[in-house]
Amino acid sequence: MELEKLRDEIDEADRIMIDEIMKRFNLAKEIAEFKRAHNLQIRNLEREKKVLENWKNKFHSLGFEDDAFIEKLFHLIVREAIKVEMNDGKDKNKTN
């Protein structure tokens, strides 16, 4: 493959990844609304632990074994999702 074709594929993978992260944040907003309506805590450490283990298992099944990277990526995304949940979905980092 040509370099430009490979770069186009990376661009498409990035677009899909961004779309899926935003989908995850939107779902986090919905979950936050449900939790507030039912007086549940925003954070569920057992759930987070289970999801992280699922991430590791999936990455490992695809041949990627760097647990430190997997954990950093997971915690980065979860931390931001918690911010989204805590702020009722208001993105305070957004500029006009």
Protein backbone atom coordinates (compact mmCIF):
# COMPACT_ATOMS: atom_id res chain seq x y z
CA MET A 1 0.00 0.00 0.00
CA GLU A 2 1.06 3.54 -0.56
CA LEU A 3 1.84 5.79 2.37
CA GLU A 4 -1.13 8.06 1.58
CA LYS A 5 -3.51 5.10 1.50
CA LEU A 6 -2.24 3.96 4.90
CA ARG A 7 -2.66 7.48 6.26
CA ASP A 8 -6.20 7.61 4.88
CA GLU A 9 -6.95 4.38 6.73
CA ILE A 10 -5.54 5.83 9.96
CA ASP A 11 -7.68 8.95 9.45
CA GLU A 12 -10.76 6.74 9.06
CA ALA A 13 -9.83 4.69 12.15
CA ASP A 14 -9.40 7.96 14.10
CA ARG A 15 -12.81 9.21 12.93
CA ILE A 16 -14.45 5.97 14.04
CA MET A 17 -12.62 6.04 17.37
CA ILE A 18 -13.71 9.64 18.04
CA ASP A 19 -17.31 8.84 17.10
CA GLU A 20 -17.30 5.86 19.48
CA ILE A 21 -15.77 7.86 22.34
CA MET A 22 -18.45 10.52 21.90
CA LYS A 23 -21.09 7.78 21.82
CA ARG A 24 -19.67 6.51 25.12
CA PHE A 25 -19.84 10.02 26.65
CA ASN A 26 -23.45 10.43 25.50
CA LEU A 27 -24.32 7.10 27.09
CA ALA A 28 -22.60 8.28 30.28
CA LYS A 29 -24.94 11.29 30.30
CA GLU A 30 -27.95 9.00 30.03
CA ILE A 31 -26.62 6.78 32.80
CA ALA A 32 -26.06 9.83 35.00
CA GLU A 33 -29.67 10.90 34.47
CA PHE A 34 -30.86 7.42 35.42
CA LYS A 35 -28.63 7.33 38.51
CA ARG A 36 -29.85 10.75 39.65
CA ALA A 37 -33.49 9.76 39.13
CA HIS A 38 -32.92 6.62 41.21
CA ASN A 39 -30.62 8.16 43.84
CA LEU A 40 -27.64 6.01 42.85
CA GLN A 41 -23.98 6.96 43.21
CA ILE A 42 -22.30 8.23 40.06
CA ARG A 43 -19.19 6.07 40.51
CA ASN A 44 -19.34 2.30 40.69
CA LEU A 45 -15.83 1.03 41.35
CA GLU A 46 -16.82 -2.62 40.94
CA ARG A 47 -18.25 -1.86 37.51
CA GLU A 48 -15.13 0.10 36.55
CA LYS A 49 -12.93 -2.82 37.63
CA LYS A 50 -15.02 -5.26 35.59
CA VAL A 51 -14.94 -3.03 32.48
CA LEU A 52 -11.16 -2.61 32.77
CA GLU A 53 -10.73 -6.38 32.93
CA ASN A 54 -12.94 -6.70 29.83
CA TRP A 55 -10.76 -4.13 28.04
CA LYS A 56 -7.59 -6.01 28.96
CA ASN A 57 -9.06 -9.31 27.83
CA LYS A 58 -10.14 -7.82 24.50
CA PHE A 59 -6.79 -6.13 23.88
CA HIS A 60 -4.95 -9.32 24.85
CA SER A 61 -7.12 -11.39 22.50
CA LEU A 62 -6.04 -9.05 19.69
CA GLY A 63 -2.37 -9.48 20.55
CA PHE A 64 -1.82 -6.23 22.45
CA GLU A 65 -0.33 -6.93 25.88
CA ASP A 66 0.74 -3.52 27.24
CA ASP A 67 -1.40 -3.39 30.38
CA ALA A 68 0.05 -0.04 31.48
CA PHE A 69 -1.15 1.57 28.24
CA ILE A 70 -4.54 -0.14 28.44
CA GLU A 71 -5.02 1.08 32.02
CA LYS A 72 -3.95 4.65 31.18
CA LEU A 73 -6.32 4.80 28.21
CA PHE A 74 -9.17 3.32 30.22
CA HIS A 75 -8.71 5.68 33.16
CA LEU A 76 -8.41 8.70 30.87
CA ILE A 77 -11.71 7.88 29.17
CA VAL A 78 -13.50 6.93 32.39
CA ARG A 79 -12.26 10.07 34.17
CA GLU A 80 -13.68 12.22 31.38
CA ALA A 81 -16.95 10.26 31.36
CA ILE A 82 -17.29 10.88 35.09
CA LYS A 83 -16.78 14.60 34.48
CA VAL A 84 -19.53 14.44 31.87
CA GLU A 85 -21.81 12.65 34.33
CA MET A 86 -21.03 15.05 37.18
CA ASN A 87 -21.60 18.13 35.00
CA ASP A 88 -24.95 16.95 33.61
CA GLY A 89 -23.29 16.69 30.23
CA LYS A 90 -22.19 20.33 30.13
CA ASP A 91 -18.81 20.46 28.45
CA LYS A 92 -16.95 23.19 30.32
CA ASN A 93 -13.94 22.79 28.01
CA LYS A 94 -15.96 23.81 24.96
CA THR A 95 -15.18 27.19 23.50
CA ASN A 96 -17.58 29.31 21.47
